[in-house]
Amino acid sequence: DGKVKTLLAGSTGLAAAFGILGFNTKKEATKEREMLESRYETDIGKAKTQLEKERQEAARKLTEQDDIAKGLQQEVKTAEKRAEQLQDTINVQQNRAKELQRTIDLLRDSEKRNKESINMLETARNEAEAKGVELRQEIVALNSALEEAQSAIKSGN
């Protein structure tokens, strides 16, 4: 800032000394220098104000972007937690499905064994009935033989 003013003062002073820029007097050169310095300060002030506005806008946008990024990170964390919960639910359901399949397999095995047992019981019953018929026939034959023996004993007396 000070270097620019010095440069302006020096250039307007030299210009006045050499009669350049159409200055006729030192007073005109001084007036021109002051006008240039004033214009310079006004332009620098505007530029600084504009730069500050741009810095503030950039800071605001950066803050907004940071907030958006934090929000997105939070959404990602929430989604990851939800995904973990869903995976846990899937694992639980898969384990339940496996348990149900084991139970179904056990029930099928049990049903098969029950059918085999029923078949074996029916076979045993049929065999017992057949044996019962044979035993009845033997009893009838033995009763007949007993009656004949008793009749023979009575007639022999």
C-alpha atoms as a PDB file:
ATOM      1  CA  ASP A   1       0.000   0.000   0.000  1.00  0.00           C
ATOM      2  CA  GLY A   2       2.769   2.437   0.953  1.00  0.00           C
ATOM      3  CA  LYS A   3       4.895   1.338  -2.018  1.00  0.00           C
ATOM      4  CA  VAL A   4       2.071   2.120  -4.416  1.00  0.00           C
ATOM      5  CA  LYS A   5       1.635   5.630  -2.954  1.00  0.00           C
ATOM      6  CA  THR A   6       5.364   6.239  -3.218  1.00  0.00           C
ATOM      7  CA  LEU A   7       5.324   5.001  -6.793  1.00  0.00           C
ATOM      8  CA  LEU A   8       2.342   7.259  -7.625  1.00  0.00           C
ATOM      9  CA  ALA A   9       3.985  10.277  -5.956  1.00  0.00           C
ATOM     10  CA  GLY A  10       7.249   9.624  -7.756  1.00  0.00           C
ATOM     11  CA  SER A  11       5.654   9.116 -11.162  1.00  0.00           C
ATOM     12  CA  THR A  12       3.433  12.208 -10.941  1.00  0.00           C
ATOM     13  CA  GLY A  13       6.394  14.265  -9.623  1.00  0.00           C
ATOM     14  CA  LEU A  14       8.604  13.141 -12.519  1.00  0.00           C
ATOM     15  CA  ALA A  15       5.830  13.720 -14.966  1.00  0.00           C
ATOM     16  CA  ALA A  16       5.401  17.244 -13.659  1.00  0.00           C
ATOM     17  CA  ALA A  17       9.136  17.843 -13.763  1.00  0.00           C
ATOM     18  CA  PHE A  18       9.382  16.797 -17.388  1.00  0.00           C
ATOM     19  CA  GLY A  19       6.141  18.431 -18.423  1.00  0.00           C
ATOM     20  CA  ILE A  20       4.638  15.051 -19.313  1.00  0.00           C
ATOM     21  CA  LEU A  21       0.880  14.484 -18.998  1.00  0.00           C
ATOM     22  CA  GLY A  22       0.349  18.154 -19.701  1.00  0.00           C
ATOM     23  CA  PHE A  23       0.954  19.379 -16.120  1.00  0.00           C
ATOM     24  CA  ASN A  24       1.945  22.996 -16.140  1.00  0.00           C
ATOM     25  CA  THR A  25       2.563  23.392 -12.447  1.00  0.00           C
ATOM     26  CA  LYS A  26       3.634  21.414  -9.463  1.00  0.00           C
ATOM     27  CA  LYS A  27       0.269  22.194  -7.929  1.00  0.00           C
ATOM     28  CA  GLU A  28      -1.545  20.425 -10.764  1.00  0.00           C
ATOM     29  CA  ALA A  29       0.760  17.438 -10.406  1.00  0.00           C
ATOM     30  CA  THR A  30       0.126  17.306  -6.654  1.00  0.00           C
ATOM     31  CA  LYS A  31      -3.619  17.543  -7.214  1.00  0.00           C
ATOM     32  CA  GLU A  32      -3.412  14.721  -9.786  1.00  0.00           C
ATOM     33  CA  ARG A  33      -1.300  12.618  -7.392  1.00  0.00           C
ATOM     34  CA  GLU A  34      -3.819  13.114  -4.565  1.00  0.00           C
ATOM     35  CA  MET A  35      -6.656  12.194  -6.914  1.00  0.00           C
ATOM     36  CA  LEU A  36      -4.791   9.030  -8.006  1.00  0.00           C
ATOM     37  CA  GLU A  37      -4.029   8.139  -4.366  1.00  0.00           C
ATOM     38  CA  SER A  38      -7.680   8.661  -3.441  1.00  0.00           C
ATOM     39  CA  ARG A  39      -8.816   6.536  -6.388  1.00  0.00           C
ATOM     40  CA  TYR A  40      -6.224   3.906  -5.432  1.00  0.00           C
ATOM     41  CA  GLU A  41      -7.421   3.838  -1.810  1.00  0.00           C
ATOM     42  CA  THR A  42     -11.049   3.639  -2.946  1.00  0.00           C
ATOM     43  CA  ASP A  43     -10.238   0.798  -5.350  1.00  0.00           C
ATOM     44  CA  ILE A  44      -8.141  -1.010  -2.719  1.00  0.00           C
ATOM     45  CA  GLY A  45     -10.937  -0.558  -0.160  1.00  0.00           C
ATOM     46  CA  LYS A  46     -13.477  -1.979  -2.592  1.00  0.00           C
ATOM     47  CA  ALA A  47     -11.157  -4.849  -3.443  1.00  0.00           C
ATOM     48  CA  LYS A  48     -10.528  -5.597   0.234  1.00  0.00           C
ATOM     49  CA  THR A  49     -14.269  -5.454   0.963  1.00  0.00           C
ATOM     50  CA  GLN A  50     -14.987  -7.725  -1.998  1.00  0.00           C
ATOM     51  CA  LEU A  51     -12.206 -10.088  -0.935  1.00  0.00           C
ATOM     52  CA  GLU A  52     -13.583 -10.219   2.607  1.00  0.00           C
ATOM     53  CA  LYS A  53     -17.084 -10.915   1.264  1.00  0.00           C
ATOM     54  CA  GLU A  54     -15.696 -13.691  -0.919  1.00  0.00           C
ATOM     55  CA  ARG A  55     -13.742 -15.116   2.030  1.00  0.00           C
ATOM     56  CA  GLN A  56     -16.878 -15.068   4.196  1.00  0.00           C
ATOM     57  CA  GLU A  57     -18.930 -16.664   1.397  1.00  0.00           C
ATOM     58  CA  ALA A  58     -16.247 -19.305   0.893  1.00  0.00           C
ATOM     59  CA  ALA A  59     -16.150 -19.962   4.655  1.00  0.00           C
ATOM     60  CA  ARG A  60     -19.965 -20.210   4.734  1.00  0.00           C
ATOM     61  CA  LYS A  61     -19.964 -22.605   1.780  1.00  0.00           C
ATOM     62  CA  LEU A  62     -17.190 -24.643   3.379  1.00  0.00           C
ATOM     63  CA  THR A  63     -19.200 -24.818   6.603  1.00  0.00           C
ATOM     64  CA  GLU A  64     -22.270 -25.895   4.612  1.00  0.00           C
ATOM     65  CA  GLN A  65     -20.229 -28.529   2.785  1.00  0.00           C
ATOM     66  CA  ASP A  66     -18.815 -29.752   6.099  1.00  0.00           C
ATOM     67  CA  ASP A  67     -22.347 -29.973   7.505  1.00  0.00           C
ATOM     68  CA  ILE A  68     -23.524 -31.861   4.430  1.00  0.00           C
ATOM     69  CA  ALA A  69     -20.516 -34.185   4.654  1.00  0.00           C
ATOM     70  CA  LYS A  70     -21.185 -34.809   8.360  1.00  0.00           C
ATOM     71  CA  GLY A  71     -24.831 -35.487   7.562  1.00  0.00           C
ATOM     72  CA  LEU A  72     -23.860 -37.920   4.825  1.00  0.00           C
ATOM     73  CA  GLN A  73     -21.363 -39.618   7.119  1.00  0.00           C
ATOM     74  CA  GLN A  74     -24.082 -39.971   9.736  1.00  0.00           C
ATOM     75  CA  GLU A  75     -26.439 -41.403   7.109  1.00  0.00           C
ATOM     76  CA  VAL A  76     -23.743 -43.881   6.081  1.00  0.00           C
ATOM     77  CA  LYS A  77     -23.212 -44.903   9.712  1.00  0.00           C
ATOM     78  CA  THR A  78     -26.954 -45.291  10.182  1.00  0.00           C
ATOM     79  CA  ALA A  79     -27.209 -47.328   6.976  1.00  0.00           C
ATOM     80  CA  GLU A  80     -24.274 -49.507   8.069  1.00  0.00           C
ATOM     81  CA  LYS A  81     -25.912 -50.119  11.456  1.00  0.00           C
ATOM     82  CA  ARG A  82     -29.192 -50.973   9.726  1.00  0.00           C
ATOM     83  CA  ALA A  83     -27.339 -53.312   7.360  1.00  0.00           C
ATOM     84  CA  GLU A  84     -25.709 -55.020  10.354  1.00  0.00           C
ATOM     85  CA  GLN A  85     -29.104 -55.365  12.028  1.00  0.00           C
ATOM     86  CA  LEU A  86     -30.575 -56.807   8.846  1.00  0.00           C
ATOM     87  CA  GLN A  87     -27.656 -59.226   8.536  1.00  0.00           C
ATOM     88  CA  ASP A  88     -28.200 -60.282  12.146  1.00  0.00           C
ATOM     89  CA  THR A  89     -31.888 -60.799  11.401  1.00  0.00           C
ATOM     90  CA  ILE A  90     -30.997 -62.837   8.312  1.00  0.00           C
ATOM     91  CA  ASN A  91     -28.582 -64.953  10.359  1.00  0.00           C
ATOM     92  CA  VAL A  92     -31.236 -65.549  13.034  1.00  0.00           C
ATOM     93  CA  GLN A  93     -33.806 -66.490  10.384  1.00  0.00           C
ATOM     94  CA  GLN A  94     -31.327 -68.828   8.683  1.00  0.00           C
ATOM     95  CA  ASN A  95     -30.596 -70.506  12.019  1.00  0.00           C
ATOM     96  CA  ARG A  96     -34.325 -70.851  12.667  1.00  0.00           C
ATOM     97  CA  ALA A  97     -34.794 -72.328   9.203  1.00  0.00           C
ATOM     98  CA  LYS A  98     -32.013 -74.849   9.907  1.00  0.00           C
ATOM     99  CA  GLU A  99     -33.626 -75.762  13.230  1.00  0.00           C
ATOM    100  CA  LEU A 100     -37.003 -76.166  11.536  1.00  0.00           C
ATOM    101  CA  GLN A 101     -35.436 -78.366   8.869  1.00  0.00           C
ATOM    102  CA  ARG A 102     -33.831 -80.520  11.575  1.00  0.00           C
ATOM    103  CA  THR A 103     -37.200 -80.772  13.340  1.00  0.00           C
ATOM    104  CA  ILE A 104     -38.899 -81.715  10.068  1.00  0.00           C
ATOM    105  CA  ASP A 105     -36.216 -84.333   9.411  1.00  0.00           C
ATOM    106  CA  LEU A 106     -36.670 -85.713  12.942  1.00  0.00           C
ATOM    107  CA  LEU A 107     -40.436 -85.825  12.479  1.00  0.00           C
ATOM    108  CA  ARG A 108     -40.030 -87.639   9.148  1.00  0.00           C
ATOM    109  CA  ASP A 109     -37.649 -90.110  10.776  1.00  0.00           C
ATOM    110  CA  SER A 110     -40.083 -90.507  13.660  1.00  0.00           C
ATOM    111  CA  GLU A 111     -42.981 -91.006  11.240  1.00  0.00           C
ATOM    112  CA  LYS A 112     -40.941 -93.598   9.350  1.00  0.00           C
ATOM    113  CA  ARG A 113     -40.076 -95.376  12.584  1.00  0.00           C
ATOM    114  CA  ASN A 114     -43.713 -95.199  13.680  1.00  0.00           C
ATOM    115  CA  LYS A 115     -44.823 -96.751  10.388  1.00  0.00           C
ATOM    116  CA  GLU A 116     -42.186 -99.449  10.758  1.00  0.00           C
ATOM    117  CA  SER A 117     -43.324-100.047  14.347  1.00  0.00           C
ATOM    118  CA  ILE A 118     -46.967-100.218  13.254  1.00  0.00           C
ATOM    119  CA  ASN A 119     -46.036-102.677  10.506  1.00  0.00           C
ATOM    120  CA  MET A 120     -44.061-104.760  12.994  1.00  0.00           C
ATOM    121  CA  LEU A 121     -46.987-104.655  15.469  1.00  0.00           C
ATOM    122  CA  GLU A 122     -49.431-105.674  12.748  1.00  0.00           C
ATOM    123  CA  THR A 123     -47.137-108.514  11.733  1.00  0.00           C
ATOM    124  CA  ALA A 124     -46.802-109.591  15.384  1.00  0.00           C
ATOM    125  CA  ARG A 125     -50.595-109.352  15.816  1.00  0.00           C
ATOM    126  CA  ASN A 126     -51.193-111.407  12.673  1.00  0.00           C
ATOM    127  CA  GLU A 127     -48.657-113.975  13.868  1.00  0.00           C
ATOM    128  CA  ALA A 128     -50.253-113.981  17.323  1.00  0.00           C
ATOM    129  CA  GLU A 129     -53.705-114.440  15.820  1.00  0.00           C
ATOM    130  CA  ALA A 130     -52.421-117.278  13.655  1.00  0.00           C
ATOM    131  CA  LYS A 131     -50.737-118.835  16.708  1.00  0.00           C
ATOM    132  CA  GLY A 132     -53.984-118.315  18.646  1.00  0.00           C
ATOM    133  CA  VAL A 133     -55.917-120.205  15.977  1.00  0.00           C
ATOM    134  CA  GLU A 134     -53.363-123.019  16.143  1.00  0.00           C
ATOM    135  CA  LEU A 135     -53.546-123.078  19.939  1.00  0.00           C
ATOM    136  CA  ARG A 136     -57.382-123.169  19.840  1.00  0.00           C
ATOM    137  CA  GLN A 137     -57.225-126.066  17.436  1.00  0.00           C
ATOM    138  CA  GLU A 138     -54.795-127.847  19.742  1.00  0.00           C
ATOM    139  CA  ILE A 139     -57.039-127.092  22.730  1.00  0.00           C
ATOM    140  CA  VAL A 140     -60.036-128.451  20.822  1.00  0.00           C
ATOM    141  CA  ALA A 141     -58.014-131.537  19.857  1.00  0.00           C
ATOM    142  CA  LEU A 142     -56.763-131.961  23.435  1.00  0.00           C
ATOM    143  CA  ASN A 143     -60.288-131.505  24.809  1.00  0.00           C
ATOM    144  CA  SER A 144     -61.544-134.128  22.393  1.00  0.00           C
ATOM    145  CA  ALA A 145     -58.722-136.455  23.387  1.00  0.00           C
ATOM    146  CA  LEU A 146     -59.476-135.775  27.057  1.00  0.00           C
ATOM    147  CA  GLU A 147     -63.142-136.543  26.558  1.00  0.00           C
ATOM    148  CA  GLU A 148     -62.283-139.767  24.760  1.00  0.00           C
ATOM    149  CA  ALA A 149     -59.861-140.665  27.488  1.00  0.00           C
ATOM    150  CA  GLN A 150     -62.439-139.904  30.150  1.00  0.00           C
ATOM    151  CA  SER A 151     -65.031-141.904  28.213  1.00  0.00           C
ATOM    152  CA  ALA A 152     -62.645-144.804  27.934  1.00  0.00           C
ATOM    153  CA  ILE A 153     -61.828-144.605  31.646  1.00  0.00           C
ATOM    154  CA  LYS A 154     -65.567-144.587  32.496  1.00  0.00           C
ATOM    155  CA  SER A 155     -66.297-147.480  30.200  1.00  0.00           C
ATOM    156  CA  GLY A 156     -63.342-149.414  31.521  1.00  0.00           C
ATOM    157  CA  ASN A 157     -64.539-149.178  35.035  1.00  0.00           C
END
